[in-house]
Amino acid sequence: MRLIRFGLISFIFLFLLITGISLFIPSHVIMSKAINIKSGKDSVMAQISNAANWKNWQPGMDTSKLLYIAGEVKGVILDDKDPQHPVCIKIDKIEPDQVTAQFITKKMKPVVIGWKAISYPNNDSVTVQWYMDFHLRWYPWEKFGSLVLEKSHGARMEQGLTNLKKLLQSSR
């Protein structure tokens, strides 16, 4: 009985210690990547704003199913094993120089994904910024998991921007 009580108290103390440490980790994390592309802003926005074109440049999107809402393509379905809660990226807003979408999964808060096309007068290129905006809950596993977000998503974002650059500059 003593051993069980000691184990339970130790487990509670360790859980509180880890939770306390995780409170020092920010719950709002923004990751951003950018690239300059020698192309017109309209060409860039045509690739970014149409989810059907994402398979041409985003890594892993070539096997994704398109998400239709009211007969229009509004995103992609990444995993539909649970039909009630599919993992998807859904476009929220399309503006002349920015597209925002949400990465929706059952296990975490929606992640805001955005692409901005920034052009400057008298310049023949467009700067494309791709960002992911994470709002984490207080759970220690989410907070500690945020420490590896750059490693898990950063390389894929860079590869996607490089693919977009190659696609748009080769069609010029």
Protein backbone atom coordinates (compact mmCIF):
# COMPACT_ATOMS: atom_id res chain seq x y z
CA MET A 1 0.00 0.00 0.00
CA ARG A 2 2.88 2.31 0.83
CA LEU A 3 4.49 1.63 -2.51
CA ILE A 4 1.27 2.37 -4.41
CA ARG A 5 0.78 5.64 -2.51
CA PHE A 6 4.41 6.65 -3.16
CA GLY A 7 3.99 5.88 -6.87
CA LEU A 8 0.76 7.87 -7.11
CA ILE A 9 2.21 10.90 -5.31
CA SER A 10 5.33 10.72 -7.50
CA PHE A 11 3.22 10.57 -10.66
CA ILE A 12 1.11 13.57 -9.60
CA PHE A 13 4.22 15.57 -8.65
CA LEU A 14 5.93 14.74 -11.95
CA PHE A 15 2.80 15.66 -13.94
CA LEU A 16 2.51 19.01 -12.14
CA LEU A 17 6.23 19.71 -12.67
CA ILE A 18 6.04 18.98 -16.41
CA THR A 19 2.83 21.02 -16.73
CA GLY A 20 4.46 23.92 -14.87
CA ILE A 21 7.49 23.86 -17.17
CA SER A 22 5.24 23.70 -20.25
CA LEU A 23 3.49 26.90 -19.16
CA PHE A 24 6.70 28.78 -20.03
CA ILE A 25 6.42 27.62 -23.66
CA PRO A 26 4.36 30.04 -25.79
CA SER A 27 0.90 28.89 -26.82
CA HIS A 28 0.92 31.01 -29.98
CA VAL A 29 3.50 29.99 -32.59
CA ILE A 30 3.85 31.41 -36.11
CA MET A 31 6.08 29.74 -38.70
CA SER A 32 6.88 31.60 -41.91
CA LYS A 33 8.84 30.95 -45.09
CA ALA A 34 9.28 33.23 -48.10
CA ILE A 35 10.73 33.13 -51.60
CA ASN A 36 11.13 35.55 -54.53
CA ILE A 37 9.60 34.39 -57.80
CA LYS A 38 10.18 36.06 -61.18
CA SER A 39 6.57 35.96 -62.26
CA GLY A 40 3.47 38.09 -62.29
CA LYS A 41 1.32 38.43 -59.21
CA ASP A 42 -1.71 37.10 -61.11
CA SER A 43 0.12 33.87 -62.02
CA VAL A 44 1.19 33.37 -58.41
CA MET A 45 -2.31 33.99 -57.07
CA ALA A 46 -3.83 31.64 -59.66
CA GLN A 47 -1.73 28.78 -58.26
CA ILE A 48 -2.27 29.67 -54.61
CA SER A 49 -5.98 30.53 -54.62
CA ASN A 50 -7.15 27.40 -56.46
CA ALA A 51 -6.87 24.27 -54.31
CA ALA A 52 -6.99 22.11 -57.44
CA ASN A 53 -3.59 23.58 -58.42
CA TRP A 54 -1.95 22.76 -55.08
CA LYS A 55 -1.06 19.27 -56.33
CA ASN A 56 1.28 20.94 -58.86
CA TRP A 57 3.58 22.41 -56.23
CA GLN A 58 2.72 21.43 -52.63
CA PRO A 59 4.46 18.28 -51.36
CA GLY A 60 2.01 15.50 -50.53
CA MET A 61 -0.98 17.09 -52.24
CA ASP A 62 -0.76 14.99 -55.41
CA THR A 63 -2.77 12.16 -53.79
CA SER A 64 -5.24 14.36 -51.88
CA LYS A 65 -8.91 14.50 -52.71
CA LEU A 66 -10.51 17.83 -53.45
CA LEU A 67 -12.94 19.30 -50.91
CA TYR A 68 -16.12 20.55 -52.57
CA ILE A 69 -18.47 22.98 -50.83
CA ALA A 70 -21.59 24.06 -52.73
CA GLY A 71 -20.12 22.64 -55.92
CA GLU A 72 -16.87 24.63 -55.71
CA VAL A 73 -13.37 23.43 -54.82
CA LYS A 74 -12.68 24.95 -51.40
CA GLY A 75 -9.71 22.87 -50.24
CA VAL A 76 -8.29 19.38 -50.01
CA ILE A 77 -9.02 16.32 -47.88
CA LEU A 78 -5.80 14.85 -46.52
CA ASP A 79 -7.31 11.94 -44.57
CA ASP A 80 -10.90 10.69 -44.67
CA LYS A 81 -10.64 7.55 -42.52
CA ASP A 82 -13.11 9.17 -40.11
CA PRO A 83 -15.87 10.54 -42.39
CA GLN A 84 -17.36 12.58 -39.53
CA HIS A 85 -14.06 14.42 -38.90
CA PRO A 86 -11.84 14.35 -42.00
CA VAL A 87 -8.42 15.96 -41.86
CA CYS A 88 -8.55 18.76 -44.40
CA ILE A 89 -7.29 22.15 -45.49
CA LYS A 90 -10.21 24.46 -46.22
CA ILE A 91 -9.84 27.87 -47.89
CA ASP A 92 -11.43 30.60 -45.78
CA LYS A 93 -10.72 33.80 -47.65
CA ILE A 94 -9.28 34.79 -51.01
CA GLU A 95 -8.12 38.38 -51.43
CA PRO A 96 -6.22 39.96 -54.34
CA ASP A 97 -2.86 39.40 -52.64
CA GLN A 98 -3.57 36.86 -49.89
CA VAL A 99 -5.20 33.48 -49.35
CA THR A 100 -6.03 32.12 -45.90
CA ALA A 101 -7.07 28.58 -45.10
CA GLN A 102 -7.54 26.35 -42.07
CA PHE A 103 -5.90 23.02 -41.42
CA ILE A 104 -8.63 21.13 -39.58
CA THR A 105 -8.05 17.97 -37.59
CA LYS A 106 -9.93 16.34 -34.75
CA LYS A 107 -6.99 16.27 -32.35
CA MET A 108 -6.01 19.95 -32.22
CA LYS A 109 -7.27 23.48 -32.73
CA PRO A 110 -7.50 24.57 -36.38
CA VAL A 111 -4.22 25.94 -37.72
CA VAL A 112 -4.42 29.07 -39.87
CA ILE A 113 -2.41 28.74 -43.07
CA GLY A 114 -1.80 31.74 -45.27
CA TRP A 115 -0.02 32.75 -48.44
CA LYS A 116 0.80 36.37 -49.27
CA ALA A 117 1.99 37.66 -52.63
CA ILE A 118 3.92 40.89 -52.18
CA SER A 119 4.95 42.83 -55.27
CA TYR A 120 6.91 46.04 -55.47
CA PRO A 121 6.71 48.74 -58.15
CA ASN A 122 9.49 48.59 -60.77
CA ASN A 123 10.38 45.02 -59.80
CA ASP A 124 10.00 41.91 -61.95
CA SER A 125 9.50 39.50 -59.06
CA VAL A 126 6.91 38.68 -56.42
CA THR A 127 7.74 37.71 -52.85
CA VAL A 128 5.57 34.80 -51.72
CA GLN A 129 5.24 34.29 -47.98
CA TRP A 130 3.75 31.07 -46.62
CA TYR A 131 2.90 31.05 -42.93
CA MET A 132 1.27 28.73 -40.40
CA ASP A 133 -0.31 30.16 -37.26
CA PHE A 134 -0.65 27.68 -34.38
CA HIS A 135 -2.77 28.34 -31.27
CA LEU A 136 -1.95 25.62 -28.77
CA ARG A 137 -3.93 24.51 -25.75
CA TRP A 138 -2.34 24.32 -22.30
CA TYR A 139 -1.72 20.57 -22.63
CA PRO A 140 1.95 19.76 -21.97
CA TRP A 141 2.20 17.37 -24.95
CA GLU A 142 1.00 20.11 -27.32
CA LYS A 143 3.39 22.67 -25.84
CA PHE A 144 6.42 20.34 -25.99
CA GLY A 145 5.31 19.18 -29.45
CA SER A 146 5.50 22.78 -30.65
CA LEU A 147 9.27 22.63 -30.20
CA VAL A 148 9.52 20.39 -33.29
CA LEU A 149 7.07 22.25 -35.55
CA GLU A 150 9.87 23.80 -37.58
CA LYS A 151 11.42 20.40 -38.19
CA SER A 152 8.13 18.76 -39.16
CA HIS A 153 6.62 21.52 -41.33
CA GLY A 154 9.47 23.87 -42.26
CA ALA A 155 11.19 21.66 -44.84
CA ARG A 156 7.86 20.87 -46.51
CA MET A 157 7.00 24.58 -46.71
CA GLU A 158 10.40 25.40 -48.25
CA GLN A 159 10.05 22.57 -50.76
CA GLY A 160 6.56 23.77 -51.70
CA LEU A 161 7.77 27.31 -52.32
CA THR A 162 10.70 26.02 -54.39
CA ASN A 163 8.31 23.87 -56.44
CA LEU A 164 6.03 26.89 -56.96
CA LYS A 165 8.99 28.97 -58.13
CA LYS A 166 10.11 26.27 -60.59
CA LEU A 167 6.56 25.84 -61.90
CA LEU A 168 5.96 29.54 -62.47
CA GLN A 169 9.38 30.39 -63.84
CA SER A 170 9.41 27.47 -66.26
CA SER A 171 6.04 28.56 -67.70
CA ARG A 172 7.34 32.08 -68.44
